[in-house]
Amino acid sequence: MTEKLTSLVDQIQALHDELDREIAKRRLTHGFSLSGKFVQFEKDAIARHRRLRTGILKYLSNADIPTVVTAPVIYGMIIPVALLDLSVSIYQQLCFRAYGITRVRRADYMVIDRQHLKYLNWIEALNCVYCGYANGVFAYAREIGARTEQFWCPIKHALRVKDPHQRYFEFLEYGDADGYRTRLAEFRKKLAENAA
């Protein structure tokens, strides 16, 4: 990777870190703190949240027709999402072990915590669990795909990729035949550095 590209990637990472710090500051304005993976709300915030919760009957009576009609479609997607979760988990357990690639920790991508918010009724909380799970599976699968791509084909595309995974920026340039032949082992070695 060129010095300019390395600098840009470093700037992107610095911005991610700054964003994380700003989000942490905003937590204080909403009356909660984090202790590891546990959320602790102030008592006043909990009381305010409970007052803002919409009851089930009111929630259902305010549901519009498109929401009611599409709900089974949305929830029906749990089957392919769960199959994707199972498939990529089996895939990486077999293939990553065989190739010596560090396996992706599923727990790092599954963040399911919004159902504890007191301003959500049980339907909204269930929706949040579903979205947290589905998007966690997609992020988990994306990282497994990224590590697979780094092992087999760490080459950038000629065409622009919208929102590429983080590993992509270090890949070889499209058309760099010499780099591919001389550096493929280096890319694979990076994947094995933390393998169990």
C-alpha atoms as a PDB file:
ATOM      1  CA  MET A   1       0.000   0.000   0.000  1.00  0.00           C
ATOM      2  CA  THR A   2       1.336   3.454  -0.857  1.00  0.00           C
ATOM      3  CA  GLU A   3       2.246   5.991   1.806  1.00  0.00           C
ATOM      4  CA  LYS A   4      -0.733   8.156   0.791  1.00  0.00           C
ATOM      5  CA  LEU A   5      -3.180   5.246   1.081  1.00  0.00           C
ATOM      6  CA  THR A   6      -1.709   4.257   4.452  1.00  0.00           C
ATOM      7  CA  SER A   7      -2.163   7.840   5.635  1.00  0.00           C
ATOM      8  CA  LEU A   8      -5.796   7.901   4.474  1.00  0.00           C
ATOM      9  CA  VAL A   9      -6.564   4.578   6.178  1.00  0.00           C
ATOM     10  CA  ASP A  10      -4.960   5.893   9.387  1.00  0.00           C
ATOM     11  CA  GLN A  11      -7.112   9.038   9.143  1.00  0.00           C
ATOM     12  CA  ILE A  12     -10.242   6.923   8.707  1.00  0.00           C
ATOM     13  CA  GLN A  13      -9.324   4.888  11.803  1.00  0.00           C
ATOM     14  CA  ALA A  14      -8.659   8.093  13.766  1.00  0.00           C
ATOM     15  CA  LEU A  15     -12.097   9.371  12.760  1.00  0.00           C
ATOM     16  CA  HIS A  16     -13.699   6.091  13.898  1.00  0.00           C
ATOM     17  CA  ASP A  17     -11.931   6.463  17.253  1.00  0.00           C
ATOM     18  CA  GLU A  18     -13.073  10.085  17.563  1.00  0.00           C
ATOM     19  CA  LEU A  19     -16.633   9.047  16.725  1.00  0.00           C
ATOM     20  CA  ASP A  20     -16.506   6.392  19.467  1.00  0.00           C
ATOM     21  CA  ARG A  21     -15.327   9.024  21.977  1.00  0.00           C
ATOM     22  CA  GLU A  22     -18.151  11.400  20.999  1.00  0.00           C
ATOM     23  CA  ILE A  23     -20.723   8.617  21.344  1.00  0.00           C
ATOM     24  CA  ALA A  24     -19.343   7.835  24.802  1.00  0.00           C
ATOM     25  CA  LYS A  25     -19.781  11.510  25.799  1.00  0.00           C
ATOM     26  CA  ARG A  26     -23.392  11.502  24.592  1.00  0.00           C
ATOM     27  CA  ARG A  27     -24.182   8.525  26.814  1.00  0.00           C
ATOM     28  CA  LEU A  28     -23.864  10.794  29.813  1.00  0.00           C
ATOM     29  CA  THR A  29     -26.577  13.109  28.467  1.00  0.00           C
ATOM     30  CA  HIS A  30     -29.005  10.167  28.265  1.00  0.00           C
ATOM     31  CA  GLY A  31     -28.489   9.063  31.850  1.00  0.00           C
ATOM     32  CA  PHE A  32     -26.589   5.836  31.485  1.00  0.00           C
ATOM     33  CA  SER A  33     -23.103   4.457  31.813  1.00  0.00           C
ATOM     34  CA  LEU A  34     -21.382   1.280  30.698  1.00  0.00           C
ATOM     35  CA  SER A  35     -19.535  -1.143  32.922  1.00  0.00           C
ATOM     36  CA  GLY A  36     -18.052  -3.731  30.578  1.00  0.00           C
ATOM     37  CA  LYS A  37     -21.079  -4.994  28.674  1.00  0.00           C
ATOM     38  CA  PHE A  38     -23.582  -3.932  31.315  1.00  0.00           C
ATOM     39  CA  VAL A  39     -25.676  -0.779  31.010  1.00  0.00           C
ATOM     40  CA  GLN A  40     -26.622   1.142  34.127  1.00  0.00           C
ATOM     41  CA  PHE A  41     -29.362   3.797  33.854  1.00  0.00           C
ATOM     42  CA  GLU A  42     -29.952   6.493  36.437  1.00  0.00           C
ATOM     43  CA  LYS A  43     -33.246   6.069  38.327  1.00  0.00           C
ATOM     44  CA  ASP A  44     -34.679   9.288  36.861  1.00  0.00           C
ATOM     45  CA  ALA A  45     -33.947   8.062  33.331  1.00  0.00           C
ATOM     46  CA  ILE A  46     -35.691   4.739  34.007  1.00  0.00           C
ATOM     47  CA  ALA A  47     -38.795   6.525  35.305  1.00  0.00           C
ATOM     48  CA  ARG A  48     -38.825   8.875  32.293  1.00  0.00           C
ATOM     49  CA  HIS A  49     -38.479   5.900  29.924  1.00  0.00           C
ATOM     50  CA  ARG A  50     -41.399   4.051  31.507  1.00  0.00           C
ATOM     51  CA  ARG A  51     -43.618   7.118  31.105  1.00  0.00           C
ATOM     52  CA  LEU A  52     -42.763   7.234  27.385  1.00  0.00           C
ATOM     53  CA  ARG A  53     -43.564   3.587  26.660  1.00  0.00           C
ATOM     54  CA  THR A  54     -46.497   3.074  24.272  1.00  0.00           C
ATOM     55  CA  GLY A  55     -48.950   0.397  25.380  1.00  0.00           C
ATOM     56  CA  ILE A  56     -49.497  -2.625  23.149  1.00  0.00           C
ATOM     57  CA  LEU A  57     -53.103  -1.797  22.221  1.00  0.00           C
ATOM     58  CA  LYS A  58     -52.236   1.781  21.265  1.00  0.00           C
ATOM     59  CA  TYR A  59     -49.170   0.580  19.387  1.00  0.00           C
ATOM     60  CA  LEU A  60     -51.159  -1.984  17.385  1.00  0.00           C
ATOM     61  CA  SER A  61     -54.060   0.398  16.709  1.00  0.00           C
ATOM     62  CA  ASN A  62     -51.607   2.965  15.284  1.00  0.00           C
ATOM     63  CA  ALA A  63     -49.933   0.431  12.961  1.00  0.00           C
ATOM     64  CA  ASP A  64     -50.433   1.280   9.292  1.00  0.00           C
ATOM     65  CA  ILE A  65     -51.483  -1.261   6.647  1.00  0.00           C
ATOM     66  CA  PRO A  66     -48.035  -1.576   4.967  1.00  0.00           C
ATOM     67  CA  THR A  67     -46.474  -2.375   8.356  1.00  0.00           C
ATOM     68  CA  VAL A  68     -49.036  -5.071   9.119  1.00  0.00           C
ATOM     69  CA  VAL A  69     -48.799  -6.591   5.621  1.00  0.00           C
ATOM     70  CA  THR A  70     -44.996  -6.662   5.508  1.00  0.00           C
ATOM     71  CA  ALA A  71     -44.418  -7.889   9.087  1.00  0.00           C
ATOM     72  CA  PRO A  72     -44.679 -11.594   8.118  1.00  0.00           C
ATOM     73  CA  VAL A  73     -42.207 -11.015   5.262  1.00  0.00           C
ATOM     74  CA  ILE A  74     -39.734  -9.319   7.575  1.00  0.00           C
ATOM     75  CA  TYR A  75     -40.038 -11.969  10.284  1.00  0.00           C
ATOM     76  CA  GLY A  76     -39.971 -14.739   7.671  1.00  0.00           C
ATOM     77  CA  MET A  77     -36.408 -13.650   6.902  1.00  0.00           C
ATOM     78  CA  ILE A  78     -35.337 -15.137  10.239  1.00  0.00           C
ATOM     79  CA  ILE A  79     -35.013 -18.509   8.479  1.00  0.00           C
ATOM     80  CA  PRO A  80     -32.451 -17.434   5.847  1.00  0.00           C
ATOM     81  CA  VAL A  81     -30.641 -15.254   8.407  1.00  0.00           C
ATOM     82  CA  ALA A  82     -30.366 -18.176  10.837  1.00  0.00           C
ATOM     83  CA  LEU A  83     -29.232 -20.443   7.984  1.00  0.00           C
ATOM     84  CA  LEU A  84     -26.582 -17.884   7.012  1.00  0.00           C
ATOM     85  CA  ASP A  85     -25.435 -17.746  10.644  1.00  0.00           C
ATOM     86  CA  LEU A  86     -25.192 -21.539  10.820  1.00  0.00           C
ATOM     87  CA  SER A  87     -23.589 -21.849   7.376  1.00  0.00           C
ATOM     88  CA  VAL A  88     -20.817 -19.305   7.879  1.00  0.00           C
ATOM     89  CA  SER A  89     -20.143 -20.682  11.371  1.00  0.00           C
ATOM     90  CA  ILE A  90     -19.673 -24.209  10.009  1.00  0.00           C
ATOM     91  CA  TYR A  91     -17.708 -22.870   7.037  1.00  0.00           C
ATOM     92  CA  GLN A  92     -15.180 -21.024   9.156  1.00  0.00           C
ATOM     93  CA  GLN A  93     -14.860 -23.847  11.686  1.00  0.00           C
ATOM     94  CA  LEU A  94     -13.900 -26.230   8.898  1.00  0.00           C
ATOM     95  CA  CYS A  95     -12.084 -24.055   6.370  1.00  0.00           C
ATOM     96  CA  PHE A  96     -10.367 -21.551   8.644  1.00  0.00           C
ATOM     97  CA  ARG A  97      -8.953 -24.393  10.733  1.00  0.00           C
ATOM     98  CA  ALA A  98      -7.722 -26.145   7.591  1.00  0.00           C
ATOM     99  CA  TYR A  99      -6.007 -22.996   6.276  1.00  0.00           C
ATOM    100  CA  GLY A 100      -4.765 -21.720   9.639  1.00  0.00           C
ATOM    101  CA  ILE A 101      -6.880 -18.544   9.516  1.00  0.00           C
ATOM    102  CA  THR A 102      -7.794 -16.934  12.820  1.00  0.00           C
ATOM    103  CA  ARG A 103     -11.495 -17.591  13.355  1.00  0.00           C
ATOM    104  CA  VAL A 104     -13.959 -14.747  13.765  1.00  0.00           C
ATOM    105  CA  ARG A 105     -15.457 -14.460  17.238  1.00  0.00           C
ATOM    106  CA  ARG A 106     -19.203 -14.460  16.678  1.00  0.00           C
ATOM    107  CA  ALA A 107     -19.806 -12.747  20.029  1.00  0.00           C
ATOM    108  CA  ASP A 108     -17.873  -9.691  18.807  1.00  0.00           C
ATOM    109  CA  TYR A 109     -20.589  -9.063  16.216  1.00  0.00           C
ATOM    110  CA  MET A 110     -23.745  -9.980  18.147  1.00  0.00           C
ATOM    111  CA  VAL A 111     -24.878  -6.914  20.058  1.00  0.00           C
ATOM    112  CA  ILE A 112     -28.361  -7.528  21.379  1.00  0.00           C
ATOM    113  CA  ASP A 113     -29.114  -5.102  24.184  1.00  0.00           C
ATOM    114  CA  ARG A 114     -31.862  -2.687  23.163  1.00  0.00           C
ATOM    115  CA  GLN A 115     -34.652  -4.923  24.481  1.00  0.00           C
ATOM    116  CA  HIS A 116     -33.756  -3.702  28.005  1.00  0.00           C
ATOM    117  CA  LEU A 117     -34.840  -0.142  27.222  1.00  0.00           C
ATOM    118  CA  LYS A 118     -37.870   0.653  29.362  1.00  0.00           C
ATOM    119  CA  TYR A 119     -39.470   2.919  26.752  1.00  0.00           C
ATOM    120  CA  LEU A 120     -39.968  -0.022  24.375  1.00  0.00           C
ATOM    121  CA  ASN A 121     -43.052  -2.224  24.626  1.00  0.00           C
ATOM    122  CA  TRP A 122     -42.551  -5.949  24.103  1.00  0.00           C
ATOM    123  CA  ILE A 123     -43.218  -5.794  20.336  1.00  0.00           C
ATOM    124  CA  GLU A 124     -40.680  -2.988  19.853  1.00  0.00           C
ATOM    125  CA  ALA A 125     -38.200  -4.850  22.067  1.00  0.00           C
ATOM    126  CA  LEU A 126     -38.677  -8.017  19.990  1.00  0.00           C
ATOM    127  CA  ASN A 127     -38.093  -5.986  16.816  1.00  0.00           C
ATOM    128  CA  CYS A 128     -34.849  -4.665  18.328  1.00  0.00           C
ATOM    129  CA  VAL A 129     -33.672  -8.171  19.227  1.00  0.00           C
ATOM    130  CA  TYR A 130     -34.406  -9.303  15.671  1.00  0.00           C
ATOM    131  CA  CYS A 131     -32.558  -6.367  14.070  1.00  0.00           C
ATOM    132  CA  GLY A 132     -29.600  -6.727  16.433  1.00  0.00           C
ATOM    133  CA  TYR A 133     -29.347 -10.424  15.598  1.00  0.00           C
ATOM    134  CA  ALA A 134     -29.787 -10.038  11.826  1.00  0.00           C
ATOM    135  CA  ASN A 135     -27.322  -7.165  11.484  1.00  0.00           C
ATOM    136  CA  GLY A 136     -24.895  -8.983  13.776  1.00  0.00           C
ATOM    137  CA  VAL A 137     -25.069 -12.033  11.496  1.00  0.00           C
ATOM    138  CA  PHE A 138     -24.437  -9.854   8.437  1.00  0.00           C
ATOM    139  CA  ALA A 139     -21.408  -8.184  10.065  1.00  0.00           C
ATOM    140  CA  TYR A 140     -20.092 -11.571  11.253  1.00  0.00           C
ATOM    141  CA  ALA A 141     -20.527 -13.072   7.779  1.00  0.00           C
ATOM    142  CA  ARG A 142     -18.881 -10.013   6.209  1.00  0.00           C
ATOM    143  CA  GLU A 143     -15.764 -10.439   8.347  1.00  0.00           C
ATOM    144  CA  ILE A 144     -15.613 -14.151   7.516  1.00  0.00           C
ATOM    145  CA  GLY A 145     -15.922 -13.210   3.834  1.00  0.00           C
ATOM    146  CA  ALA A 146     -13.235 -10.539   4.215  1.00  0.00           C
ATOM    147  CA  ARG A 147     -10.778 -13.004   5.757  1.00  0.00           C
ATOM    148  CA  THR A 148     -11.577 -15.513   3.019  1.00  0.00           C
ATOM    149  CA  GLU A 149     -10.969 -12.862   0.368  1.00  0.00           C
ATOM    150  CA  GLN A 150      -7.680 -11.891   2.004  1.00  0.00           C
ATOM    151  CA  PHE A 151      -6.558 -15.529   1.969  1.00  0.00           C
ATOM    152  CA  TRP A 152      -7.520 -16.311  -1.626  1.00  0.00           C
ATOM    153  CA  CYS A 153      -7.671 -13.027  -3.524  1.00  0.00           C
ATOM    154  CA  PRO A 154      -6.285  -9.935  -1.740  1.00  0.00           C
ATOM    155  CA  ILE A 155      -6.612  -7.757  -4.857  1.00  0.00           C
ATOM    156  CA  LYS A 156      -8.598  -4.529  -5.125  1.00  0.00           C
ATOM    157  CA  HIS A 157     -11.206  -4.309  -7.871  1.00  0.00           C
ATOM    158  CA  ALA A 158     -10.716  -2.090 -10.891  1.00  0.00           C
ATOM    159  CA  LEU A 159     -14.170  -0.614 -10.322  1.00  0.00           C
ATOM    160  CA  ARG A 160     -15.075   1.356  -7.196  1.00  0.00           C
ATOM    161  CA  VAL A 161     -16.462  -0.715  -4.334  1.00  0.00           C
ATOM    162  CA  LYS A 162     -19.061   1.019  -2.187  1.00  0.00           C
ATOM    163  CA  ASP A 163     -18.280   0.624   1.534  1.00  0.00           C
ATOM    164  CA  PRO A 164     -15.544  -2.026   1.299  1.00  0.00           C
ATOM    165  CA  HIS A 165     -14.570  -4.043   4.381  1.00  0.00           C
ATOM    166  CA  GLN A 166     -11.615  -2.771   6.402  1.00  0.00           C
ATOM    167  CA  ARG A 167      -9.170  -5.380   5.079  1.00  0.00           C
ATOM    168  CA  TYR A 168      -9.776  -4.251   1.504  1.00  0.00           C
ATOM    169  CA  PHE A 169      -7.690  -1.080   1.813  1.00  0.00           C
ATOM    170  CA  GLU A 170      -4.509  -3.095   2.308  1.00  0.00           C
ATOM    171  CA  PHE A 171      -5.126  -5.383  -0.655  1.00  0.00           C
ATOM    172  CA  LEU A 172      -2.909  -5.294  -3.712  1.00  0.00           C
ATOM    173  CA  GLU A 173      -3.710  -2.943  -6.545  1.00  0.00           C
ATOM    174  CA  TYR A 174      -5.642  -4.300  -9.501  1.00  0.00           C
ATOM    175  CA  GLY A 175      -3.108  -5.411 -12.094  1.00  0.00           C
ATOM    176  CA  ASP A 176      -0.173  -5.776  -9.653  1.00  0.00           C
ATOM    177  CA  ALA A 177       0.855  -9.230 -10.897  1.00  0.00           C
ATOM    178  CA  ASP A 178       4.308  -9.103  -9.302  1.00  0.00           C
ATOM    179  CA  GLY A 179       2.835  -8.097  -5.936  1.00  0.00           C
ATOM    180  CA  TYR A 180       0.326 -10.927  -6.084  1.00  0.00           C
ATOM    181  CA  ARG A 181       2.984 -13.540  -6.800  1.00  0.00           C
ATOM    182  CA  THR A 182       5.442 -12.189  -4.223  1.00  0.00           C
ATOM    183  CA  ARG A 183       3.107 -11.062  -1.418  1.00  0.00           C
ATOM    184  CA  LEU A 184       0.256 -13.601  -1.289  1.00  0.00           C
ATOM    185  CA  ALA A 185       2.042 -15.584   1.445  1.00  0.00           C
ATOM    186  CA  GLU A 186       2.412 -12.369   3.482  1.00  0.00           C
ATOM    187  CA  PHE A 187      -1.366 -11.747   3.361  1.00  0.00           C
ATOM    188  CA  ARG A 188      -2.023 -15.317   4.450  1.00  0.00           C
ATOM    189  CA  LYS A 189       0.506 -15.098   7.259  1.00  0.00           C
ATOM    190  CA  LYS A 190      -1.293 -12.043   8.697  1.00  0.00           C
ATOM    191  CA  LEU A 191      -4.480 -14.113   8.931  1.00  0.00           C
ATOM    192  CA  ALA A 192      -2.720 -16.873  10.846  1.00  0.00           C
ATOM    193  CA  GLU A 193      -0.919 -14.688  13.402  1.00  0.00           C
ATOM    194  CA  ASN A 194      -3.629 -15.087  16.037  1.00  0.00           C
ATOM    195  CA  ALA A 195      -4.940 -18.508  15.050  1.00  0.00           C
ATOM    196  CA  ALA A 196      -5.532 -20.835  17.967  1.00  0.00           C
END
